[in-house]
Amino acid sequence: MAKRDYYEVLGVSKGANADEIKKAYRTKAKELHPDRNKDNPNAEKQFKEAGEAYDILKDAEKKAAYDRFGHAAFEGGTGAGARPGGGFGGAGPGQGDFASAFSDVFDDLFGDFMGGGARGGAGGRQRAARGADLRYNLRVNLDEAYRGLQKTINVPTSVACDACDGSGAEGGAEPTTCPTCSGMGKVRAQQGFFTVERTCPTCSGLGQIIKNPCNVCGGQGRVQKDRSLSVNIPAGVEIGTRIRLAGEGEAGMRGGPAGDLYIFIEVAPHKIFEREDTNLFCRVPVSVAKAALGGDIEVPTIDGGRSRVKIPEGSQSGRQMRLRGKGMPALRGGGHGDMFIELAVETPVNLTARQKEILKEFDTLSEDNNPETKSFFKSVKGFWDSMKS
């Protein structure tokens, strides 16, 4: 019985591109899978027929030969691309290539779960493994965050082995092709109609093995070591600021690229100042007399200086005054924030008899000098009167 035209099998035109052919095969594979067609005795045959067609049409050279010579190009003839007794490029359709054809689609559909999408470079071999990124938590005080600084940190990490120059082989010898996967980095196992692809257990996906591992690093190409690094902390950093040092993370295996080091900033609480973005707040206690009479006070600033602040007469607790430009610097430029002075009127304690006498006299004479108190108790009296009525 003559074979059906491959384009007809997949339901595509002769001018279909690679993406259209792949999409058509995926549709056919799902539609004709024997597990979905247990009542159809021809499903398995049609399923394999679609895989055979896709195996030819997905390959540019095989497709070109098929377009020119048809099925004869793969039946041991002498046409272009054919080999005597072997068909095009070795095994003909239906002699093992169907599994490869379906594996491509299987990888596309399920590669994220089975690792099929992890191929890299020719032959599917992975590149040398990149080192892991590292995190370092660095605690600074508010003064250091204001000024910025250079700080030396010690980071325990993996570094390239000096004995083998990071190759993992004794004397820096070149690795050899892995015999298990033939350098592919992956091995395949047939499970019914599915071909499952897994990372090669012998070479861990690298495609190469080392016959004589380095005695110092055991073939890893890296060793554990504490590293001292100088870090530039810019002025204005705040909690959560992240600094990236490219290539300063863990060394890669067998000469692979190093990861990155991420430094996360923590800013310790300050005894005097509280921070909110680029603004600073300073709570300053003042005496009752100073709040009532007004006057000047001297307050500290984050740069180590001093500023004189005039307290208005009759100031109450919670009153704020602003010192422009005396806050924290903006991390990415744009000047400084402001500093806010918040007054906290302090009630005197441990009074002497004479002080108490003076305060009692003052309280008697100052009934009309406390408008807020007078207004509050007037409202209270009105509330009580309304409750009685």
Protein backbone atom coordinates (compact mmCIF):
# COMPACT_ATOMS: atom_id res chain seq x y z
CA MET A 1 0.00 0.00 0.00
CA ALA A 2 1.41 3.37 -1.10
CA LYS A 3 2.33 5.79 1.66
CA ARG A 4 0.24 8.89 2.12
CA ASP A 5 1.75 12.26 1.36
CA TYR A 6 3.40 13.62 4.53
CA TYR A 7 1.83 17.05 4.10
CA GLU A 8 -1.56 15.41 3.80
CA VAL A 9 -0.91 13.33 6.94
CA LEU A 10 -0.27 16.47 9.00
CA GLY A 11 -2.91 18.53 7.21
CA VAL A 12 -0.58 21.32 6.08
CA SER A 13 0.32 22.82 2.73
CA LYS A 14 3.66 22.20 1.01
CA GLY A 15 4.68 25.78 1.71
CA ALA A 16 4.12 25.48 5.48
CA ASN A 17 6.96 26.79 7.65
CA ALA A 18 8.59 24.99 10.61
CA ASP A 19 6.27 26.53 13.21
CA GLU A 20 3.14 25.59 11.25
CA ILE A 21 4.41 22.02 10.80
CA LYS A 22 5.20 21.67 14.49
CA LYS A 23 1.83 23.10 15.52
CA ALA A 24 0.01 20.73 13.14
CA TYR A 25 1.90 17.74 14.52
CA ARG A 26 1.14 18.69 18.11
CA THR A 27 -2.54 18.82 17.23
CA LYS A 28 -2.39 15.44 15.45
CA ALA A 29 -0.41 13.83 18.27
CA LYS A 30 -3.02 14.85 20.81
CA GLU A 31 -5.88 13.86 18.54
CA LEU A 32 -4.53 10.44 17.57
CA HIS A 33 -2.84 9.32 20.78
CA PRO A 34 -3.86 5.68 21.45
CA ASP A 35 -4.73 6.43 25.06
CA ARG A 36 -7.44 8.76 23.82
CA ASN A 37 -8.64 6.42 21.08
CA LYS A 38 -8.97 3.01 22.72
CA ASP A 39 -11.99 2.22 20.53
CA ASN A 40 -10.11 3.00 17.31
CA PRO A 41 -7.87 0.07 16.22
CA ASN A 42 -6.14 2.32 13.62
CA ALA A 43 -5.20 5.05 16.11
CA GLU A 44 -1.75 3.66 16.86
CA LYS A 45 -0.90 3.29 13.18
CA GLN A 46 -2.09 6.83 12.40
CA PHE A 47 -0.24 8.16 15.44
CA LYS A 48 3.04 6.64 14.22
CA GLU A 49 2.32 7.83 10.69
CA ALA A 50 2.03 11.42 11.95
CA GLY A 51 5.29 11.02 13.91
CA GLU A 52 7.03 9.70 10.79
CA ALA A 53 5.78 12.63 8.74
CA TYR A 54 6.88 15.14 11.34
CA ASP A 55 10.33 13.56 11.65
CA ILE A 56 10.95 14.23 7.95
CA LEU A 57 9.31 17.64 7.58
CA LYS A 58 10.83 19.17 10.72
CA ASP A 59 14.35 18.70 9.30
CA ALA A 60 15.22 21.26 6.60
CA GLU A 61 17.48 18.87 4.63
CA LYS A 62 15.09 15.92 4.81
CA LYS A 63 12.18 18.18 3.87
CA ALA A 64 14.08 19.48 0.84
CA ALA A 65 14.84 15.90 -0.27
CA TYR A 66 11.21 14.86 0.24
CA ASP A 67 9.92 17.87 -1.71
CA ARG A 68 12.14 16.86 -4.63
CA PHE A 69 12.00 13.05 -4.65
CA GLY A 70 9.05 12.17 -2.42
CA HIS A 71 9.17 8.92 -0.43
CA ALA A 72 11.85 7.56 -2.77
CA ALA A 73 14.41 9.80 -1.05
CA PHE A 74 14.20 7.60 2.05
CA GLU A 75 13.83 4.13 0.57
CA GLY A 76 17.45 3.27 -0.23
CA GLY A 77 17.50 4.75 -3.73
CA THR A 78 20.25 6.88 -5.25
CA GLY A 79 18.44 10.18 -5.23
CA ALA A 80 19.87 13.30 -3.63
CA GLY A 81 20.37 12.85 0.09
CA ALA A 82 19.97 9.04 -0.06
CA ARG A 83 22.48 6.43 1.07
CA PRO A 84 22.57 2.93 -0.44
CA GLY A 85 20.59 0.59 1.72
CA GLY A 86 20.17 3.15 4.48
CA GLY A 87 17.78 5.88 3.40
CA PHE A 88 18.39 9.54 4.17
CA GLY A 89 20.97 10.16 6.90
CA GLY A 90 20.90 6.61 8.34
CA ALA A 91 17.76 5.02 9.76
CA GLY A 92 14.68 5.53 7.64
CA PRO A 93 11.28 6.64 8.91
CA GLY A 94 9.72 4.28 11.38
CA GLN A 95 13.09 2.83 12.48
CA GLY A 96 13.51 4.77 15.70
CA ASP A 97 13.17 8.34 14.47
CA PHE A 98 9.49 8.48 15.47
CA ALA A 99 10.51 8.48 19.13
CA SER A 100 12.84 11.40 18.43
CA ALA A 101 10.11 13.28 16.60
CA PHE A 102 7.62 12.90 19.41
CA SER A 103 10.29 13.72 21.97
CA ASP A 104 10.67 17.20 20.44
CA VAL A 105 7.00 17.90 21.00
CA PHE A 106 7.06 16.20 24.40
CA ASP A 107 9.90 18.52 25.43
CA ASP A 108 7.94 21.49 24.16
CA LEU A 109 4.83 20.53 26.13
CA PHE A 110 6.38 19.17 29.32
CA GLY A 111 9.99 20.42 29.28
CA ASP A 112 9.49 22.71 32.26
CA PHE A 113 8.63 19.70 34.41
CA MET A 114 11.11 17.16 33.03
CA GLY A 115 14.06 19.44 32.32
CA GLY A 116 13.68 19.17 28.52
CA GLY A 117 14.06 22.93 28.17
CA ALA A 118 17.47 22.93 29.76
CA ARG A 119 19.39 22.10 26.61
CA GLY A 120 22.16 24.42 25.68
CA GLY A 121 24.37 24.57 22.61
CA ALA A 122 24.92 21.89 19.98
CA GLY A 123 23.99 18.36 20.91
CA GLY A 124 21.96 19.47 23.94
CA ARG A 125 25.00 19.64 26.25
CA GLN A 126 24.70 22.12 29.09
CA ARG A 127 27.26 24.80 29.59
CA ALA A 128 29.58 24.70 32.59
CA ALA A 129 27.42 25.30 35.64
CA ARG A 130 27.20 28.93 36.78
CA GLY A 131 27.95 29.61 40.42
CA ALA A 132 25.15 30.49 42.82
CA ASP A 133 24.28 34.06 43.74
CA LEU A 134 25.06 34.98 47.34
CA ARG A 135 23.33 37.30 49.82
CA TYR A 136 25.11 39.29 52.53
CA ASN A 137 23.24 41.35 55.14
CA LEU A 138 25.22 44.46 56.09
CA ARG A 139 24.21 46.56 59.10
CA VAL A 140 25.21 50.24 59.22
CA ASN A 141 24.23 53.04 61.59
CA LEU A 142 22.36 56.17 60.56
CA ASP A 143 25.48 58.33 60.65
CA GLU A 144 27.20 55.98 58.17
CA ALA A 145 24.08 55.93 55.98
CA TYR A 146 24.20 59.73 55.93
CA ARG A 147 27.84 59.99 54.93
CA GLY A 148 28.34 56.81 52.91
CA LEU A 149 31.49 54.77 53.44
CA GLN A 150 33.90 52.10 52.22
CA LYS A 151 33.49 48.92 54.22
CA THR A 152 35.44 45.66 54.13
CA ILE A 153 33.38 42.51 54.52
CA ASN A 154 34.35 38.83 54.82
CA VAL A 155 32.24 36.51 52.68
CA PRO A 156 32.46 32.71 53.00
CA THR A 157 32.10 31.39 49.45
CA SER A 158 33.45 29.05 46.77
CA VAL A 159 36.37 30.28 44.69
CA ALA A 160 38.17 28.81 41.67
CA CYS A 161 40.72 26.17 42.63
CA ASP A 162 44.26 27.46 42.13
CA ALA A 163 45.74 23.97 41.81
CA CYS A 164 43.80 23.15 38.62
CA ASP A 165 42.89 26.69 37.48
CA GLY A 166 39.23 25.85 38.00
CA SER A 167 39.17 22.96 35.49
CA GLY A 168 38.70 20.25 38.12
CA ALA A 169 41.35 18.05 36.46
CA GLU A 170 44.75 17.21 37.89
CA GLY A 171 47.40 19.42 36.31
CA GLY A 172 44.74 21.33 34.36
CA ALA A 173 44.20 18.46 31.90
CA GLU A 174 41.32 18.70 29.44
CA PRO A 175 38.12 16.79 30.32
CA THR A 176 36.91 13.97 28.04
CA THR A 177 33.54 13.27 26.48
CA CYS A 178 31.14 11.48 28.79
CA PRO A 179 30.69 7.86 27.60
CA THR A 180 27.17 7.58 29.04
CA CYS A 181 25.59 10.42 27.08
CA SER A 182 28.24 10.83 24.34
CA GLY A 183 28.64 14.47 25.27
CA MET A 184 24.91 15.27 25.05
CA GLY A 185 24.55 15.96 28.76
CA LYS A 186 21.24 14.09 28.74
CA VAL A 187 20.03 10.53 28.42
CA ARG A 188 16.72 9.32 27.03
CA ALA A 189 14.53 6.46 28.15
CA GLN A 190 11.65 5.04 26.11
CA GLN A 191 8.41 4.61 28.07
CA GLY A 192 5.70 3.36 25.74
CA PHE A 193 5.01 6.09 23.21
CA PHE A 194 6.90 8.65 25.27
CA THR A 195 10.60 9.39 25.32
CA VAL A 196 11.66 10.89 28.66
CA GLU A 197 14.84 12.92 28.69
CA ARG A 198 16.83 13.34 31.89
CA THR A 199 20.11 14.89 32.95
CA CYS A 200 22.98 12.43 32.54
CA PRO A 201 23.80 10.96 35.98
CA THR A 202 27.46 10.39 35.08
CA CYS A 203 28.45 13.94 34.09
CA SER A 204 25.57 15.88 35.75
CA GLY A 205 24.61 17.37 32.40
CA LEU A 206 28.04 18.80 31.54
CA GLY A 207 28.69 16.31 28.72
CA GLN A 208 32.25 15.82 29.93
CA ILE A 209 34.01 13.88 32.66
CA ILE A 210 37.37 14.16 34.33
CA LYS A 211 39.51 11.01 34.44
CA ASN A 212 42.02 12.35 36.97
CA PRO A 213 40.20 14.73 39.37
CA CYS A 214 42.19 17.43 41.11
CA ASN A 215 43.32 16.30 44.57
CA VAL A 216 42.63 19.72 46.06
CA CYS A 217 39.04 20.32 44.88
CA GLY A 218 38.01 16.72 44.11
CA GLY A 219 37.12 17.57 40.51
CA GLN A 220 34.74 20.41 41.40
CA GLY A 221 37.04 23.14 40.10
CA ARG A 222 36.33 25.24 43.22
CA VAL A 223 37.12 25.27 46.94
CA GLN A 224 35.57 26.88 50.02
CA LYS A 225 37.29 30.04 51.18
CA ASP A 226 36.59 33.31 53.01
CA ARG A 227 37.01 36.34 50.79
CA SER A 228 37.58 39.94 51.87
CA LEU A 229 35.78 42.45 49.71
CA SER A 230 35.73 46.24 49.84
CA VAL A 231 32.20 47.56 49.38
CA ASN A 232 31.25 51.12 48.54
CA ILE A 233 28.15 52.12 50.53
CA PRO A 234 26.64 55.22 48.88
CA ALA A 235 25.29 58.09 50.98
CA GLY A 236 21.53 57.93 51.56
CA VAL A 237 21.13 54.14 51.75
CA GLU A 238 18.09 52.94 53.65
CA ILE A 239 16.70 49.66 54.93
CA GLY A 240 16.28 47.24 52.01
CA THR A 241 18.76 48.95 49.68
CA ARG A 242 20.38 46.25 47.52
CA ILE A 243 23.91 46.52 46.13
CA ARG A 244 24.94 44.06 43.39
CA LEU A 245 28.56 43.02 42.93
CA ALA A 246 28.69 41.20 39.59
CA GLY A 247 30.84 38.07 39.50
CA GLU A 248 31.59 38.17 43.23
CA GLY A 249 29.29 35.28 44.13
CA GLU A 250 30.05 31.57 44.22
CA ALA A 251 32.52 30.28 41.61
CA GLY A 252 31.06 28.06 38.88
CA MET A 253 31.85 24.37 38.58
CA ARG A 254 34.77 23.42 36.33
CA GLY A 255 35.45 26.91 35.08
CA GLY A 256 31.83 28.03 34.87
CA PRO A 257 31.04 31.73 35.37
CA ALA A 258 30.74 33.01 38.93
CA GLY A 259 27.43 34.15 40.39
CA ASP A 260 26.74 37.60 41.80
CA LEU A 261 26.90 38.90 45.37
CA TYR A 262 23.91 40.89 46.61
CA ILE A 263 24.43 43.07 49.67
CA PHE A 264 21.24 44.00 51.53
CA ILE A 265 21.51 47.05 53.78
CA GLU A 266 20.09 47.23 57.30
CA VAL A 267 20.14 50.60 59.10
CA ALA A 268 20.28 50.47 62.90
CA PRO A 269 17.90 52.69 64.93
CA HIS A 270 19.39 55.99 66.15
CA LYS A 271 19.21 57.31 69.72
CA ILE A 272 18.21 60.83 68.69
CA PHE A 273 16.79 60.80 65.18
CA GLU A 274 13.97 58.88 63.54
CA ARG A 275 13.98 58.53 59.78
CA GLU A 276 11.13 58.65 57.28
CA ASP A 277 12.41 58.48 53.68
CA THR A 278 14.82 61.41 53.46
CA ASN A 279 13.29 63.34 56.38
CA LEU A 280 14.49 63.17 59.98
CA PHE A 281 12.50 63.76 63.17
CA CYS A 282 13.95 64.84 66.48
CA ARG A 283 11.82 65.03 69.66
CA VAL A 284 13.10 67.80 71.93
CA PRO A 285 11.86 68.19 75.54
CA VAL A 286 11.34 71.78 76.76
CA SER A 287 10.33 73.13 80.14
CA VAL A 288 6.91 74.59 80.88
CA ALA A 289 8.47 77.98 81.34
CA LYS A 290 10.39 77.80 78.04
CA ALA A 291 7.25 76.71 76.19
CA ALA A 292 5.21 79.49 77.80
CA LEU A 293 7.73 82.32 77.48
CA GLY A 294 9.43 81.23 74.25
CA GLY A 295 13.14 81.41 73.58
CA ASP A 296 16.00 79.74 71.74
CA ILE A 297 17.20 76.15 72.02
CA GLU A 298 20.15 74.36 70.41
CA VAL A 299 19.51 71.05 68.63
CA PRO A 300 21.92 68.52 67.02
CA THR A 301 21.93 67.73 63.31
CA ILE A 302 22.82 64.41 61.63
CA ASP A 303 26.01 65.86 60.13
CA GLY A 304 27.37 66.43 63.65
CA GLY A 305 26.61 70.12 63.71
CA ARG A 306 24.26 72.29 65.80
CA SER A 307 21.34 74.51 64.88
CA ARG A 308 19.58 77.17 66.95
CA VAL A 309 15.80 76.99 66.90
CA LYS A 310 13.49 79.75 68.15
CA ILE A 311 10.53 78.46 70.18
CA PRO A 312 7.46 80.69 69.78
CA GLU A 313 5.81 81.94 72.95
CA GLY A 314 2.99 79.72 74.15
CA SER A 315 4.12 76.58 72.26
CA GLN A 316 2.30 73.33 73.01
CA SER A 317 3.53 69.72 73.03
CA GLY A 318 3.63 68.23 69.54
CA ARG A 319 4.39 71.50 67.80
CA GLN A 320 6.81 70.96 64.89
CA MET A 321 9.40 73.25 63.35
CA ARG A 322 11.26 72.53 60.14
CA LEU A 323 14.96 72.84 59.37
CA ARG A 324 15.19 72.70 55.58
CA GLY A 325 17.93 70.59 54.01
CA LYS A 326 19.05 69.09 57.33
CA GLY A 327 17.69 65.60 56.60
CA MET A 328 19.17 62.60 54.77
CA PRO A 329 20.64 62.80 51.26
CA ALA A 330 18.60 61.27 48.44
CA LEU A 331 20.18 57.98 47.34
CA ARG A 332 20.16 58.85 43.64
CA GLY A 333 20.82 62.56 43.93
CA GLY A 334 18.28 65.34 44.27
CA GLY A 335 19.46 67.08 47.44
CA HIS A 336 18.57 66.43 51.06
CA GLY A 337 15.39 65.98 53.01
CA ASP A 338 14.34 68.14 55.96
CA MET A 339 14.66 67.81 59.71
CA PHE A 340 11.60 68.31 61.91
CA ILE A 341 11.86 69.39 65.54
CA GLU A 342 8.92 68.21 67.65
CA LEU A 343 8.45 69.88 71.02
CA ALA A 344 7.59 67.85 74.09
CA VAL A 345 6.59 70.13 76.98
CA GLU A 346 7.86 68.48 80.14
CA THR A 347 6.01 68.60 83.46
CA PRO A 348 8.45 69.29 86.32
CA VAL A 349 8.89 66.63 89.01
CA ASN A 350 10.35 66.44 92.54
CA LEU A 351 9.26 70.01 93.39
CA THR A 352 10.38 71.74 96.55
CA ALA A 353 7.85 73.36 98.90
CA ARG A 354 8.72 76.79 97.57
CA GLN A 355 8.30 75.66 93.94
CA LYS A 356 4.91 74.17 94.75
CA GLU A 357 3.86 77.40 96.43
CA ILE A 358 4.87 79.44 93.40
CA LEU A 359 3.06 77.07 91.01
CA LYS A 360 -0.13 77.21 93.05
CA GLU A 361 -0.02 80.98 92.99
CA PHE A 362 0.69 80.92 89.27
CA ASP A 363 -2.19 78.52 88.65
CA THR A 364 -4.57 80.84 90.50
CA LEU A 365 -3.43 83.82 88.48
CA SER A 366 -3.47 82.05 85.08
CA GLU A 367 -7.10 80.92 84.71
CA ASP A 368 -7.55 83.08 81.65
CA ASN A 369 -4.22 81.99 80.16
CA ASN A 370 -5.33 78.43 79.37
CA PRO A 371 -7.96 78.80 76.63
CA GLU A 372 -7.94 75.13 75.65
CA THR A 373 -8.55 74.00 79.23
CA LYS A 374 -11.31 76.56 79.68
CA SER A 375 -13.02 75.49 76.42
CA PHE A 376 -12.79 71.79 77.29
CA PHE A 377 -14.43 72.06 80.70
CA LYS A 378 -17.09 74.36 79.30
CA SER A 379 -17.98 71.58 76.82
CA VAL A 380 -17.95 69.01 79.64
CA LYS A 381 -20.37 71.11 81.71
CA GLY A 382 -22.70 71.39 78.74
CA PHE A 383 -22.57 67.62 78.26
CA TRP A 384 -23.46 66.92 81.88
CA ASP A 385 -26.31 69.45 81.82
CA SER A 386 -27.80 67.83 78.73
CA MET A 387 -27.62 64.41 80.38
CA LYS A 388 -29.58 65.71 83.41
CA SER A 389 -32.34 67.16 81.25
